[in-house]
């Protein structure tokens, strides 16, 4: 199938999917109101095969150390798949399934599947990385840019993490865990019971970001948008908390955004 933009609809919700631009959800409109920041770099993109910053673009797999391009010097950030064109495997009125084959500069072969499913009051994103060749460490997650303002008061974030990863001067976790601190944030938090973050645009809309994963990065230092990023490990996790993709065991994750009007 082609990789042209895809429109999904359910009730008064509409999603635009861009296979040609990193397999991202480029738009989410509820009752005609756009919730995601617009632009080719924004929307919500899959982070794969790693999330956030990787220290100096290096990671080790077994005895082999790999060097990746520094797309956020002095680090590498957010994986490689957001820069590529994905393939459309299946489309219905309310679901799209995309695939992406890992290529250079990622040193291992593998396939990523990203499923986007829409109902009238929720969007569910599911991702998997599989290999039929060599095993390799990986991370997956999502990087949504939610509009800070929908025309009324600014969004409010509500969540109750068990800890906050201490952030060093290099913007990477130091390995120390802190009691959660007030924002603004460009920080990773631990939620062992699963990610559960509520975004509230007062008198307009409440949206809950949930995931069985226990890591979430919250970024609210920009004026236009806030980011709530569920992921399978912390930034630099390929080096500190690797998850292995093997021919017998893919790496899988999901997140659901559910909303209600206020």
C-alpha atoms as a PDB file:
ATOM      1  CA  UNK A   1       0.000   0.000   0.000  1.00  0.00           C
ATOM      2  CA  UNK A   2       1.068   3.637  -0.400  1.00  0.00           C
ATOM      3  CA  UNK A   3       2.410   5.743   2.445  1.00  0.00           C
ATOM      4  CA  UNK A   4       0.051   8.667   1.808  1.00  0.00           C
ATOM      5  CA  UNK A   5      -1.506  10.422   4.825  1.00  0.00           C
ATOM      6  CA  UNK A   6      -4.331   8.473   6.483  1.00  0.00           C
ATOM      7  CA  UNK A   7      -7.476   9.858   8.124  1.00  0.00           C
ATOM      8  CA  UNK A   8      -9.209   7.819  10.843  1.00  0.00           C
ATOM      9  CA  UNK A   9     -12.599   8.766  12.276  1.00  0.00           C
ATOM     10  CA  UNK A  10     -14.778   7.580  15.152  1.00  0.00           C
ATOM     11  CA  UNK A  11     -17.658   9.651  16.489  1.00  0.00           C
ATOM     12  CA  UNK A  12     -16.504  13.275  16.499  1.00  0.00           C
ATOM     13  CA  UNK A  13     -12.816  12.283  16.789  1.00  0.00           C
ATOM     14  CA  UNK A  14     -10.458  12.453  13.814  1.00  0.00           C
ATOM     15  CA  UNK A  15      -6.835  11.332  13.577  1.00  0.00           C
ATOM     16  CA  UNK A  16      -4.327  12.087  10.823  1.00  0.00           C
ATOM     17  CA  UNK A  17      -1.503   9.547  10.433  1.00  0.00           C
ATOM     18  CA  UNK A  18       1.638  10.331   8.419  1.00  0.00           C
ATOM     19  CA  UNK A  19       3.447   7.137   7.357  1.00  0.00           C
ATOM     20  CA  UNK A  20       5.678   9.296   5.137  1.00  0.00           C
ATOM     21  CA  UNK A  21       6.861  11.364   8.125  1.00  0.00           C
ATOM     22  CA  UNK A  22       8.113   9.000  10.800  1.00  0.00           C
ATOM     23  CA  UNK A  23       4.890   7.023  11.232  1.00  0.00           C
ATOM     24  CA  UNK A  24       3.572   9.827  13.411  1.00  0.00           C
ATOM     25  CA  UNK A  25       0.090  10.800  14.490  1.00  0.00           C
ATOM     26  CA  UNK A  26       0.092  14.241  12.901  1.00  0.00           C
ATOM     27  CA  UNK A  27      -3.236  15.389  14.295  1.00  0.00           C
ATOM     28  CA  UNK A  28      -5.966  14.521  16.778  1.00  0.00           C
ATOM     29  CA  UNK A  29      -9.161  16.541  16.595  1.00  0.00           C
ATOM     30  CA  UNK A  30     -11.966  16.085  19.104  1.00  0.00           C
ATOM     31  CA  UNK A  31     -15.163  17.918  18.272  1.00  0.00           C
ATOM     32  CA  UNK A  32     -13.201  20.016  15.788  1.00  0.00           C
ATOM     33  CA  UNK A  33     -10.530  21.061  18.319  1.00  0.00           C
ATOM     34  CA  UNK A  34      -6.929  20.104  17.495  1.00  0.00           C
ATOM     35  CA  UNK A  35      -5.128  18.671  20.541  1.00  0.00           C
ATOM     36  CA  UNK A  36      -1.660  18.169  19.032  1.00  0.00           C
ATOM     37  CA  UNK A  37       0.855  20.836  18.056  1.00  0.00           C
ATOM     38  CA  UNK A  38       0.998  21.079  14.284  1.00  0.00           C
ATOM     39  CA  UNK A  39       4.113  20.902  12.126  1.00  0.00           C
ATOM     40  CA  UNK A  40       6.324  18.260  10.521  1.00  0.00           C
ATOM     41  CA  UNK A  41       8.390  17.805  13.721  1.00  0.00           C
ATOM     42  CA  UNK A  42       5.437  17.639  16.093  1.00  0.00           C
ATOM     43  CA  UNK A  43       2.190  15.699  16.421  1.00  0.00           C
ATOM     44  CA  UNK A  44       3.124  12.423  18.141  1.00  0.00           C
ATOM     45  CA  UNK A  45       5.990  10.316  16.812  1.00  0.00           C
ATOM     46  CA  UNK A  46       7.174   6.825  17.782  1.00  0.00           C
ATOM     47  CA  UNK A  47      10.529   6.784  19.546  1.00  0.00           C
ATOM     48  CA  UNK A  48      12.335   3.646  18.368  1.00  0.00           C
ATOM     49  CA  UNK A  49      14.753   1.876  18.712  1.00  0.00           C
ATOM     50  CA  UNK A  50      15.597   4.147  21.661  1.00  0.00           C
ATOM     51  CA  UNK A  51      13.909   6.945  23.624  1.00  0.00           C
ATOM     52  CA  UNK A  52      15.238  10.311  24.658  1.00  0.00           C
ATOM     53  CA  UNK A  53      18.930  11.095  24.787  1.00  0.00           C
ATOM     54  CA  UNK A  54      21.642   8.429  24.416  1.00  0.00           C
ATOM     55  CA  UNK A  55      24.929   9.497  25.934  1.00  0.00           C
ATOM     56  CA  UNK A  56      27.303  10.644  23.155  1.00  0.00           C
ATOM     57  CA  UNK A  57      25.368   8.437  20.719  1.00  0.00           C
ATOM     58  CA  UNK A  58      27.063   5.283  22.034  1.00  0.00           C
ATOM     59  CA  UNK A  59      25.665   2.012  23.260  1.00  0.00           C
ATOM     60  CA  UNK A  60      27.082  -1.444  23.846  1.00  0.00           C
ATOM     61  CA  UNK A  61      25.600  -4.747  22.731  1.00  0.00           C
ATOM     62  CA  UNK A  62      27.550  -7.593  24.247  1.00  0.00           C
ATOM     63  CA  UNK A  63      31.211  -6.831  23.629  1.00  0.00           C
ATOM     64  CA  UNK A  64      30.534  -4.495  20.701  1.00  0.00           C
ATOM     65  CA  UNK A  65      30.232  -0.726  21.133  1.00  0.00           C
ATOM     66  CA  UNK A  66      28.272   1.171  18.510  1.00  0.00           C
ATOM     67  CA  UNK A  67      28.465   4.854  17.592  1.00  0.00           C
ATOM     68  CA  UNK A  68      25.383   6.589  16.201  1.00  0.00           C
ATOM     69  CA  UNK A  69      25.093  10.075  14.666  1.00  0.00           C
ATOM     70  CA  UNK A  70      24.772  12.925  17.168  1.00  0.00           C
ATOM     71  CA  UNK A  71      21.452  14.466  16.108  1.00  0.00           C
ATOM     72  CA  UNK A  72      21.217  16.428  19.395  1.00  0.00           C
ATOM     73  CA  UNK A  73      24.922  17.122  20.150  1.00  0.00           C
ATOM     74  CA  UNK A  74      26.579  15.900  22.268  1.00  0.00           C
ATOM     75  CA  UNK A  75      23.980  13.102  22.270  1.00  0.00           C
ATOM     76  CA  UNK A  76      21.771  11.074  19.941  1.00  0.00           C
ATOM     77  CA  UNK A  77      18.047  11.461  20.599  1.00  0.00           C
ATOM     78  CA  UNK A  78      14.662   9.782  20.018  1.00  0.00           C
ATOM     79  CA  UNK A  79      15.698   6.906  17.749  1.00  0.00           C
ATOM     80  CA  UNK A  80      15.948   6.712  13.966  1.00  0.00           C
ATOM     81  CA  UNK A  81      12.441   5.740  12.840  1.00  0.00           C
ATOM     82  CA  UNK A  82      11.006   9.266  13.194  1.00  0.00           C
ATOM     83  CA  UNK A  83      13.261  10.316  10.308  1.00  0.00           C
ATOM     84  CA  UNK A  84      12.069   7.599   7.927  1.00  0.00           C
ATOM     85  CA  UNK A  85       9.113   6.723   5.744  1.00  0.00           C
ATOM     86  CA  UNK A  86       6.944   3.926   7.096  1.00  0.00           C
ATOM     87  CA  UNK A  87       4.850   1.484   5.088  1.00  0.00           C
ATOM     88  CA  UNK A  88       1.084   1.177   5.424  1.00  0.00           C
ATOM     89  CA  UNK A  89       0.161  -2.437   6.111  1.00  0.00           C
ATOM     90  CA  UNK A  90      -3.580  -2.077   6.779  1.00  0.00           C
ATOM     91  CA  UNK A  91      -6.191   0.658   7.038  1.00  0.00           C
ATOM     92  CA  UNK A  92      -9.847   0.658   8.100  1.00  0.00           C
ATOM     93  CA  UNK A  93     -12.095   3.569   9.020  1.00  0.00           C
ATOM     94  CA  UNK A  94     -10.761   3.655  12.592  1.00  0.00           C
ATOM     95  CA  UNK A  95      -7.435   1.769  12.541  1.00  0.00           C
ATOM     96  CA  UNK A  96      -4.102   1.953  10.738  1.00  0.00           C
ATOM     97  CA  UNK A  97      -1.164  -0.446  10.977  1.00  0.00           C
ATOM     98  CA  UNK A  98       2.260   0.753   9.836  1.00  0.00           C
ATOM     99  CA  UNK A  99       5.603  -1.022   9.552  1.00  0.00           C
ATOM    100  CA  UNK A 100       9.176   0.208   9.434  1.00  0.00           C
ATOM    101  CA  UNK A 101      12.322  -1.820   8.753  1.00  0.00           C
ATOM    102  CA  UNK A 102      15.297  -0.658  10.808  1.00  0.00           C
ATOM    103  CA  UNK A 103      18.131   0.537   8.576  1.00  0.00           C
ATOM    104  CA  UNK A 104      21.435   2.426   8.866  1.00  0.00           C
ATOM    105  CA  UNK A 105      22.561   4.078  11.036  1.00  0.00           C
ATOM    106  CA  UNK A 106      20.963   1.501  13.356  1.00  0.00           C
ATOM    107  CA  UNK A 107      23.355  -1.472  13.234  1.00  0.00           C
ATOM    108  CA  UNK A 108      20.810  -4.310  13.569  1.00  0.00           C
ATOM    109  CA  UNK A 109      18.028  -5.575  11.353  1.00  0.00           C
ATOM    110  CA  UNK A 110      14.504  -5.560  12.733  1.00  0.00           C
ATOM    111  CA  UNK A 111      10.949  -4.577  11.977  1.00  0.00           C
ATOM    112  CA  UNK A 112       8.769  -2.122  13.887  1.00  0.00           C
ATOM    113  CA  UNK A 113       4.977  -2.345  13.796  1.00  0.00           C
ATOM    114  CA  UNK A 114       2.890   0.640  14.904  1.00  0.00           C
ATOM    115  CA  UNK A 115      -0.876   0.205  15.264  1.00  0.00           C
ATOM    116  CA  UNK A 116      -3.126   3.246  15.720  1.00  0.00           C
ATOM    117  CA  UNK A 117      -6.701   2.529  16.825  1.00  0.00           C
ATOM    118  CA  UNK A 118      -9.397   5.169  17.357  1.00  0.00           C
ATOM    119  CA  UNK A 119     -12.740   5.045  19.210  1.00  0.00           C
ATOM    120  CA  UNK A 120     -15.068   7.990  19.862  1.00  0.00           C
ATOM    121  CA  UNK A 121     -13.372   8.687  23.217  1.00  0.00           C
ATOM    122  CA  UNK A 122      -9.892   7.105  23.050  1.00  0.00           C
ATOM    123  CA  UNK A 123      -6.796   6.583  20.929  1.00  0.00           C
ATOM    124  CA  UNK A 124      -4.717   3.452  21.488  1.00  0.00           C
ATOM    125  CA  UNK A 125      -1.174   3.171  20.148  1.00  0.00           C
ATOM    126  CA  UNK A 126       0.627  -0.181  20.127  1.00  0.00           C
ATOM    127  CA  UNK A 127       4.208  -0.765  19.033  1.00  0.00           C
ATOM    128  CA  UNK A 128       6.411  -3.838  18.666  1.00  0.00           C
ATOM    129  CA  UNK A 129      10.010  -4.419  17.562  1.00  0.00           C
ATOM    130  CA  UNK A 130      10.939  -7.864  16.329  1.00  0.00           C
ATOM    131  CA  UNK A 131      13.989  -9.481  14.779  1.00  0.00           C
ATOM    132  CA  UNK A 132      14.678 -12.711  12.949  1.00  0.00           C
ATOM    133  CA  UNK A 133      18.418 -12.125  13.099  1.00  0.00           C
ATOM    134  CA  UNK A 134      20.788 -10.976  15.849  1.00  0.00           C
ATOM    135  CA  UNK A 135      19.413  -9.932  19.222  1.00  0.00           C
ATOM    136  CA  UNK A 136      19.866  -6.297  20.230  1.00  0.00           C
ATOM    137  CA  UNK A 137      18.949  -3.864  23.020  1.00  0.00           C
ATOM    138  CA  UNK A 138      16.108  -1.459  22.288  1.00  0.00           C
ATOM    139  CA  UNK A 139      13.608   0.974  23.771  1.00  0.00           C
ATOM    140  CA  UNK A 140      10.266   2.147  22.458  1.00  0.00           C
ATOM    141  CA  UNK A 141       7.896   4.927  23.396  1.00  0.00           C
ATOM    142  CA  UNK A 142       5.865   7.878  22.108  1.00  0.00           C
ATOM    143  CA  UNK A 143       6.552  11.594  22.008  1.00  0.00           C
ATOM    144  CA  UNK A 144       3.283  13.556  21.798  1.00  0.00           C
ATOM    145  CA  UNK A 145       3.238  17.344  21.662  1.00  0.00           C
ATOM    146  CA  UNK A 146      -0.060  18.423  23.232  1.00  0.00           C
ATOM    147  CA  UNK A 147      -1.141  22.003  22.642  1.00  0.00           C
ATOM    148  CA  UNK A 148      -0.709  23.960  25.865  1.00  0.00           C
ATOM    149  CA  UNK A 149      -3.783  26.040  25.102  1.00  0.00           C
ATOM    150  CA  UNK A 150      -6.993  25.121  23.282  1.00  0.00           C
ATOM    151  CA  UNK A 151      -8.463  28.605  23.355  1.00  0.00           C
ATOM    152  CA  UNK A 152      -9.178  28.870  27.096  1.00  0.00           C
ATOM    153  CA  UNK A 153      -6.929  28.415  30.121  1.00  0.00           C
ATOM    154  CA  UNK A 154      -3.578  26.613  29.806  1.00  0.00           C
ATOM    155  CA  UNK A 155      -3.427  22.874  30.341  1.00  0.00           C
ATOM    156  CA  UNK A 156      -2.800  21.520  33.844  1.00  0.00           C
ATOM    157  CA  UNK A 157      -0.799  18.324  34.419  1.00  0.00           C
ATOM    158  CA  UNK A 158      -1.775  15.854  37.136  1.00  0.00           C
ATOM    159  CA  UNK A 159       0.268  12.762  38.044  1.00  0.00           C
ATOM    160  CA  UNK A 160       1.659  11.039  41.110  1.00  0.00           C
ATOM    161  CA  UNK A 161       5.022   9.425  40.322  1.00  0.00           C
ATOM    162  CA  UNK A 162       6.916   7.295  42.818  1.00  0.00           C
ATOM    163  CA  UNK A 163      10.175   9.034  41.978  1.00  0.00           C
ATOM    164  CA  UNK A 164      11.926  11.469  39.673  1.00  0.00           C
ATOM    165  CA  UNK A 165      15.202  10.579  37.994  1.00  0.00           C
ATOM    166  CA  UNK A 166      17.888  13.069  38.985  1.00  0.00           C
ATOM    167  CA  UNK A 167      18.969  14.925  35.853  1.00  0.00           C
ATOM    168  CA  UNK A 168      22.631  15.787  35.421  1.00  0.00           C
ATOM    169  CA  UNK A 169      24.088  18.818  33.681  1.00  0.00           C
ATOM    170  CA  UNK A 170      24.203  16.707  30.510  1.00  0.00           C
ATOM    171  CA  UNK A 171      20.384  16.258  30.692  1.00  0.00           C
ATOM    172  CA  UNK A 172      20.780  12.516  31.343  1.00  0.00           C
ATOM    173  CA  UNK A 173      19.686  10.630  34.463  1.00  0.00           C
ATOM    174  CA  UNK A 174      22.501  10.270  36.984  1.00  0.00           C
ATOM    175  CA  UNK A 175      21.105   7.019  38.397  1.00  0.00           C
ATOM    176  CA  UNK A 176      19.878   8.701  41.596  1.00  0.00           C
ATOM    177  CA  UNK A 177      16.152   8.780  42.358  1.00  0.00           C
ATOM    178  CA  UNK A 178      14.604  11.855  43.962  1.00  0.00           C
ATOM    179  CA  UNK A 179      11.271  12.759  45.460  1.00  0.00           C
ATOM    180  CA  UNK A 180       9.272  14.371  42.628  1.00  0.00           C
ATOM    181  CA  UNK A 181       9.906  18.100  42.334  1.00  0.00           C
ATOM    182  CA  UNK A 182       7.684  20.862  40.916  1.00  0.00           C
ATOM    183  CA  UNK A 183       8.078  21.837  37.264  1.00  0.00           C
ATOM    184  CA  UNK A 184       8.913  23.095  34.780  1.00  0.00           C
ATOM    185  CA  UNK A 185      10.241  19.701  33.703  1.00  0.00           C
ATOM    186  CA  UNK A 186      12.409  18.028  31.154  1.00  0.00           C
ATOM    187  CA  UNK A 187      12.540  14.977  33.376  1.00  0.00           C
ATOM    188  CA  UNK A 188      11.894  11.268  33.643  1.00  0.00           C
ATOM    189  CA  UNK A 189       9.587   9.867  36.309  1.00  0.00           C
ATOM    190  CA  UNK A 190       8.946   6.363  37.603  1.00  0.00           C
ATOM    191  CA  UNK A 191       5.378   5.047  37.921  1.00  0.00           C
ATOM    192  CA  UNK A 192       5.703   1.349  38.861  1.00  0.00           C
ATOM    193  CA  UNK A 193       1.941   0.776  38.650  1.00  0.00           C
ATOM    194  CA  UNK A 194       1.918   2.053  35.075  1.00  0.00           C
ATOM    195  CA  UNK A 195       1.980   5.507  33.525  1.00  0.00           C
ATOM    196  CA  UNK A 196      -1.089   7.570  34.463  1.00  0.00           C
ATOM    197  CA  UNK A 197      -0.998  11.291  33.652  1.00  0.00           C
ATOM    198  CA  UNK A 198      -4.007  13.583  33.328  1.00  0.00           C
ATOM    199  CA  UNK A 199      -3.986  16.689  31.150  1.00  0.00           C
ATOM    200  CA  UNK A 200      -6.828  19.104  31.949  1.00  0.00           C
ATOM    201  CA  UNK A 201      -7.763  22.083  29.832  1.00  0.00           C
ATOM    202  CA  UNK A 202     -10.123  23.777  32.340  1.00  0.00           C
ATOM    203  CA  UNK A 203     -13.782  23.902  31.301  1.00  0.00           C
ATOM    204  CA  UNK A 204     -12.859  22.241  27.999  1.00  0.00           C
ATOM    205  CA  UNK A 205     -11.358  18.755  28.003  1.00  0.00           C
ATOM    206  CA  UNK A 206      -9.672  16.161  30.223  1.00  0.00           C
ATOM    207  CA  UNK A 207      -7.283  13.673  28.597  1.00  0.00           C
ATOM    208  CA  UNK A 208      -5.611  10.752  30.380  1.00  0.00           C
ATOM    209  CA  UNK A 209      -2.363   9.236  29.102  1.00  0.00           C
ATOM    210  CA  UNK A 210      -1.988   5.695  30.435  1.00  0.00           C
ATOM    211  CA  UNK A 211       0.392   2.831  29.712  1.00  0.00           C
ATOM    212  CA  UNK A 212       1.431  -0.431  31.385  1.00  0.00           C
ATOM    213  CA  UNK A 213       5.027   0.840  31.161  1.00  0.00           C
ATOM    214  CA  UNK A 214       6.496   2.460  34.259  1.00  0.00           C
ATOM    215  CA  UNK A 215       8.535   5.288  32.744  1.00  0.00           C
ATOM    216  CA  UNK A 216       7.322   8.679  31.558  1.00  0.00           C
ATOM    217  CA  UNK A 217       9.207  11.772  30.458  1.00  0.00           C
ATOM    218  CA  UNK A 218       7.390  15.066  31.004  1.00  0.00           C
ATOM    219  CA  UNK A 219       8.587  18.107  29.056  1.00  0.00           C
ATOM    220  CA  UNK A 220       6.817  21.429  29.554  1.00  0.00           C
ATOM    221  CA  UNK A 221       9.548  24.001  28.968  1.00  0.00           C
ATOM    222  CA  UNK A 222       8.118  25.253  25.656  1.00  0.00           C
ATOM    223  CA  UNK A 223       5.416  27.885  25.456  1.00  0.00           C
ATOM    224  CA  UNK A 224       3.368  26.185  22.736  1.00  0.00           C
ATOM    225  CA  UNK A 225       3.095  22.597  23.947  1.00  0.00           C
ATOM    226  CA  UNK A 226       3.645  20.033  26.676  1.00  0.00           C
ATOM    227  CA  UNK A 227       4.912  16.479  26.171  1.00  0.00           C
ATOM    228  CA  UNK A 228       3.952  13.361  28.139  1.00  0.00           C
ATOM    229  CA  UNK A 229       6.078  10.470  26.856  1.00  0.00           C
ATOM    230  CA  UNK A 230       5.415   6.893  28.048  1.00  0.00           C
ATOM    231  CA  UNK A 231       8.360   4.629  27.309  1.00  0.00           C
ATOM    232  CA  UNK A 232       9.929   1.291  28.170  1.00  0.00           C
ATOM    233  CA  UNK A 233      12.911   2.757  30.031  1.00  0.00           C
ATOM    234  CA  UNK A 234      14.588   6.006  31.072  1.00  0.00           C
ATOM    235  CA  UNK A 235      16.711   8.223  28.799  1.00  0.00           C
ATOM    236  CA  UNK A 236      20.063   6.585  28.028  1.00  0.00           C
ATOM    237  CA  UNK A 237      18.320   3.323  28.835  1.00  0.00           C
ATOM    238  CA  UNK A 238      20.182   1.341  26.161  1.00  0.00           C
ATOM    239  CA  UNK A 239      23.189   1.762  28.455  1.00  0.00           C
ATOM    240  CA  UNK A 240      21.547   1.654  31.883  1.00  0.00           C
ATOM    241  CA  UNK A 241      18.436  -0.525  31.584  1.00  0.00           C
ATOM    242  CA  UNK A 242      18.487  -2.336  28.230  1.00  0.00           C
ATOM    243  CA  UNK A 243      15.545  -4.420  27.026  1.00  0.00           C
ATOM    244  CA  UNK A 244      16.596  -7.173  24.637  1.00  0.00           C
ATOM    245  CA  UNK A 245      14.848  -7.912  21.346  1.00  0.00           C
ATOM    246  CA  UNK A 246      15.448 -11.551  20.375  1.00  0.00           C
ATOM    247  CA  UNK A 247      14.144 -13.825  17.606  1.00  0.00           C
ATOM    248  CA  UNK A 248      11.867 -15.406  20.232  1.00  0.00           C
ATOM    249  CA  UNK A 249      10.819 -12.291  22.132  1.00  0.00           C
ATOM    250  CA  UNK A 250       9.844  -8.949  20.581  1.00  0.00           C
ATOM    251  CA  UNK A 251       9.722  -5.718  22.565  1.00  0.00           C
ATOM    252  CA  UNK A 252       6.140  -4.495  22.854  1.00  0.00           C
ATOM    253  CA  UNK A 253       4.444  -1.484  24.441  1.00  0.00           C
ATOM    254  CA  UNK A 254       1.156   0.370  24.298  1.00  0.00           C
ATOM    255  CA  UNK A 255      -0.412   3.617  25.435  1.00  0.00           C
ATOM    256  CA  UNK A 256      -3.998   4.837  25.520  1.00  0.00           C
ATOM    257  CA  UNK A 257      -5.223   8.408  25.490  1.00  0.00           C
ATOM    258  CA  UNK A 258      -8.811   8.706  26.699  1.00  0.00           C
ATOM    259  CA  UNK A 259     -10.737  11.961  26.891  1.00  0.00           C
ATOM    260  CA  UNK A 260     -13.943  13.506  28.114  1.00  0.00           C
ATOM    261  CA  UNK A 261     -15.455  16.940  27.775  1.00  0.00           C
ATOM    262  CA  UNK A 262     -15.737  19.153  30.857  1.00  0.00           C
END
